[in-house]
């Protein structure tokens, strides 16, 4: 599954691991995934939360208030996922498949966390009045726009480059192309529905 993660999602997972250690936890739960999403704030998951009016800075203190305080003795190496975190990861895979995406991004991980109702991440997001259906719409809107904050599509930089990075990596180009293809597929479907 992890080989299907986009760059931002992979970075988010690394941040989740760091957050678990910082909090003295010997596991990775949905709360750590959410903190990882906040730290990887340039992805579509964070953009979707911002589109819903969520202040990302409000999330860490809420997570820390709900999460058990761990010990200082956390072993080195990979940390296991909780049942809720595994469920969120599995759901993110399904969310990606439902959207016709072949790779998993932070937007899919966000939907997976919200859909895993017994996790701390879902509780924090509920406390922020984020509902799964609204998050799904926000993700679709962000995907439809074909960009994330700080990105420019089209113009003198072309649809697959940004003002910040005129020479994107192949993965960045693929991610941007995937968003554009998704947008085109939605437009085609909309036109089909208008045919007699």
Protein backbone atom coordinates (compact mmCIF):
# COMPACT_ATOMS: atom_id res chain seq x y z
CA UNK A 1 0.00 0.00 0.00
CA UNK A 2 2.73 2.49 0.95
CA UNK A 3 4.30 2.23 -2.50
CA UNK A 4 1.12 3.86 -3.85
CA UNK A 5 1.57 7.00 -1.74
CA UNK A 6 2.21 10.30 -3.48
CA UNK A 7 5.19 12.32 -2.24
CA UNK A 8 3.09 14.45 0.13
CA UNK A 9 1.36 11.39 1.60
CA UNK A 10 4.71 9.73 2.20
CA UNK A 11 5.97 12.85 3.92
CA UNK A 12 2.79 12.98 5.97
CA UNK A 13 3.41 9.41 7.16
CA UNK A 14 6.97 10.31 8.16
CA UNK A 15 5.61 13.27 10.12
CA UNK A 16 3.03 11.00 11.77
CA UNK A 17 5.84 8.73 12.93
CA UNK A 18 7.74 11.73 14.32
CA UNK A 19 4.62 13.02 16.07
CA UNK A 20 4.03 9.65 17.75
CA UNK A 21 7.59 9.69 19.09
CA UNK A 22 7.29 13.33 20.16
CA UNK A 23 4.19 12.47 22.19
CA UNK A 24 5.93 9.44 23.72
CA UNK A 25 3.67 6.93 21.99
CA UNK A 26 4.84 3.50 20.88
CA UNK A 27 2.17 3.28 18.17
CA UNK A 28 0.78 5.35 15.31
CA UNK A 29 -2.89 6.25 15.70
CA UNK A 30 -5.22 8.41 13.68
CA UNK A 31 -4.23 11.34 15.88
CA UNK A 32 -0.65 11.05 14.62
CA UNK A 33 -1.87 10.78 11.03
CA UNK A 34 -3.83 14.01 11.53
CA UNK A 35 -0.82 15.77 13.07
CA UNK A 36 1.23 14.55 10.10
CA UNK A 37 -1.34 16.03 7.72
CA UNK A 38 -1.12 19.36 9.54
CA UNK A 39 2.68 19.36 9.31
CA UNK A 40 2.52 18.44 5.59
CA UNK A 41 0.37 21.50 5.03
CA UNK A 42 0.96 21.91 1.30
CA UNK A 43 -1.11 18.92 0.16
CA UNK A 44 -4.68 18.57 -0.98
CA UNK A 45 -5.77 17.20 2.40
CA UNK A 46 -4.72 20.37 4.20
CA UNK A 47 -6.13 22.50 1.36
CA UNK A 48 -9.46 20.70 1.76
CA UNK A 49 -9.53 21.41 5.49
CA UNK A 50 -8.72 25.07 4.84
CA UNK A 51 -11.52 25.16 2.26
CA UNK A 52 -13.86 24.01 5.05
CA UNK A 53 -12.69 26.91 7.21
CA UNK A 54 -10.53 24.81 9.53
CA UNK A 55 -7.55 26.59 11.06
CA UNK A 56 -4.78 24.00 10.92
CA UNK A 57 -3.05 25.56 13.93
CA UNK A 58 -6.08 24.67 16.07
CA UNK A 59 -5.63 20.93 15.50
CA UNK A 60 -2.42 20.06 17.44
CA UNK A 61 -3.63 21.38 20.83
CA UNK A 62 -6.94 19.57 20.37
CA UNK A 63 -5.17 16.30 19.57
CA UNK A 64 -2.81 16.68 22.52
CA UNK A 65 -5.76 17.32 24.87
CA UNK A 66 -7.46 14.08 23.77
CA UNK A 67 -4.46 11.78 23.34
CA UNK A 68 -3.01 9.82 26.22
CA UNK A 69 0.35 11.12 27.31
CA UNK A 70 2.96 8.51 26.54
CA UNK A 71 6.24 7.63 28.14
CA UNK A 72 9.64 8.94 27.28
CA UNK A 73 10.89 5.42 26.45
CA UNK A 74 9.81 4.81 22.89
CA UNK A 75 11.77 2.10 21.12
CA UNK A 76 13.57 2.83 17.89
CA UNK A 77 12.37 1.42 14.58
CA UNK A 78 8.96 1.30 12.98
CA UNK A 79 5.94 1.83 15.17
CA UNK A 80 2.83 -0.34 14.72
CA UNK A 81 -0.47 1.17 13.62
CA UNK A 82 -3.54 1.05 15.86
CA UNK A 83 -6.65 -0.71 14.61
CA UNK A 84 -8.25 2.69 13.92
CA UNK A 85 -5.19 3.89 11.97
CA UNK A 86 -5.16 0.69 9.90
CA UNK A 87 -8.85 1.22 9.20
CA UNK A 88 -8.19 4.81 8.13
CA UNK A 89 -5.38 3.69 5.81
CA UNK A 90 -7.58 0.98 4.27
CA UNK A 91 -10.41 3.47 3.84
CA UNK A 92 -8.02 5.95 2.17
CA UNK A 93 -7.18 3.26 -0.37
CA UNK A 94 -10.90 2.79 -1.03
CA UNK A 95 -11.45 6.57 -1.29
CA UNK A 96 -8.67 6.78 -3.89
CA UNK A 97 -10.18 3.88 -5.84
CA UNK A 98 -13.66 5.44 -5.66
CA UNK A 99 -12.24 8.62 -7.21
CA UNK A 100 -10.48 6.61 -9.92
CA UNK A 101 -7.02 7.47 -8.58
CA UNK A 102 -4.16 5.01 -8.73
CA UNK A 103 -2.11 6.64 -5.97
CA UNK A 104 -2.96 7.78 -2.46
CA UNK A 105 -2.63 11.42 -1.53
CA UNK A 106 -3.19 13.41 1.64
CA UNK A 107 -6.74 14.09 0.46
CA UNK A 108 -7.54 10.36 0.50
CA UNK A 109 -5.87 9.97 3.90
CA UNK A 110 -8.02 12.84 5.23
CA UNK A 111 -11.19 11.10 4.04
CA UNK A 112 -9.95 7.83 5.53
CA UNK A 113 -9.39 9.47 8.92
CA UNK A 114 -12.82 11.10 8.96
CA UNK A 115 -14.49 7.86 7.94
CA UNK A 116 -12.77 5.95 10.76
CA UNK A 117 -15.21 7.26 13.35
CA UNK A 118 -13.69 5.72 16.48
CA UNK A 119 -10.30 7.38 15.96
CA UNK A 120 -9.09 10.49 17.74
CA UNK A 121 -8.63 12.25 14.38
CA UNK A 122 -12.32 11.84 13.55
CA UNK A 123 -13.25 13.11 17.01
CA UNK A 124 -11.08 16.23 16.59
CA UNK A 125 -12.51 16.87 13.13
CA UNK A 126 -16.07 16.37 14.43
CA UNK A 127 -15.29 18.89 17.18
CA UNK A 128 -14.28 21.27 14.38
CA UNK A 129 -17.65 20.55 12.68
CA UNK A 130 -16.06 18.68 9.76
CA UNK A 131 -18.44 16.07 8.34
CA UNK A 132 -17.42 13.31 5.95
CA UNK A 133 -19.84 14.43 3.23
CA UNK A 134 -18.58 18.03 3.45
CA UNK A 135 -14.95 16.88 3.41
CA UNK A 136 -15.63 14.73 0.35
CA UNK A 137 -17.13 17.77 -1.41
CA UNK A 138 -14.17 19.94 -0.36
CA UNK A 139 -11.71 17.33 -1.66
CA UNK A 140 -13.60 17.19 -4.97
CA UNK A 141 -13.57 21.00 -5.20
CA UNK A 142 -9.82 21.15 -4.54
CA UNK A 143 -9.26 18.37 -7.10
CA UNK A 144 -11.54 20.16 -9.57
CA UNK A 145 -9.55 23.36 -9.23
CA UNK A 146 -6.46 21.42 -10.33
CA UNK A 147 -4.23 23.26 -7.89
CA UNK A 148 -3.33 23.72 -4.28
CA UNK A 149 -2.51 27.00 -2.60
CA UNK A 150 0.77 28.29 -3.97
CA UNK A 151 0.39 26.44 -7.27
CA UNK A 152 -0.40 28.02 -10.60
CA UNK A 153 -1.89 26.03 -13.40
CA UNK A 154 -1.66 27.18 -16.98
CA UNK A 155 -0.17 30.53 -17.89
CA UNK A 156 3.44 30.92 -18.84
CA UNK A 157 4.45 28.02 -16.63
CA UNK A 158 2.21 25.45 -18.29
CA UNK A 159 -0.29 23.18 -16.54
CA UNK A 160 2.29 20.86 -14.97
CA UNK A 161 4.71 23.35 -13.43
CA UNK A 162 4.46 25.93 -10.71
CA UNK A 163 5.77 29.43 -10.25
CA UNK A 164 7.90 28.07 -7.38
CA UNK A 165 9.19 25.05 -9.28
CA UNK A 166 9.56 25.48 -13.05
CA UNK A 167 11.20 22.02 -13.25
CA UNK A 168 8.93 19.63 -11.32
CA UNK A 169 9.92 16.06 -10.60
CA UNK A 170 8.22 13.32 -12.61
CA UNK A 171 6.08 12.49 -9.53
CA UNK A 172 4.93 16.14 -9.24
CA UNK A 173 4.08 16.20 -12.93
CA UNK A 174 2.18 12.92 -12.61
CA UNK A 175 0.22 14.21 -9.59
CA UNK A 176 -0.77 17.39 -11.46
CA UNK A 177 -1.67 15.45 -14.58
CA UNK A 178 -3.82 13.10 -12.50
CA UNK A 179 -5.76 16.07 -11.09
CA UNK A 180 -6.29 17.48 -14.58
CA UNK A 181 -7.43 14.12 -15.96
CA UNK A 182 -9.86 13.78 -13.06
CA UNK A 183 -11.21 17.25 -13.77
CA UNK A 184 -11.65 16.41 -17.47
CA UNK A 185 -13.39 13.13 -16.60
CA UNK A 186 -15.88 15.01 -14.43
CA UNK A 187 -16.55 17.51 -17.22
CA UNK A 188 -17.09 14.67 -19.71
CA UNK A 189 -19.49 12.96 -17.30
CA UNK A 190 -21.37 16.23 -16.83
CA UNK A 191 -21.73 16.64 -20.59
CA UNK A 192 -22.88 13.02 -20.98
CA UNK A 193 -25.62 13.59 -18.42
CA UNK A 194 -26.92 16.47 -20.53
CA UNK A 195 -27.28 14.32 -23.67
CA UNK A 196 -30.76 13.05 -24.59
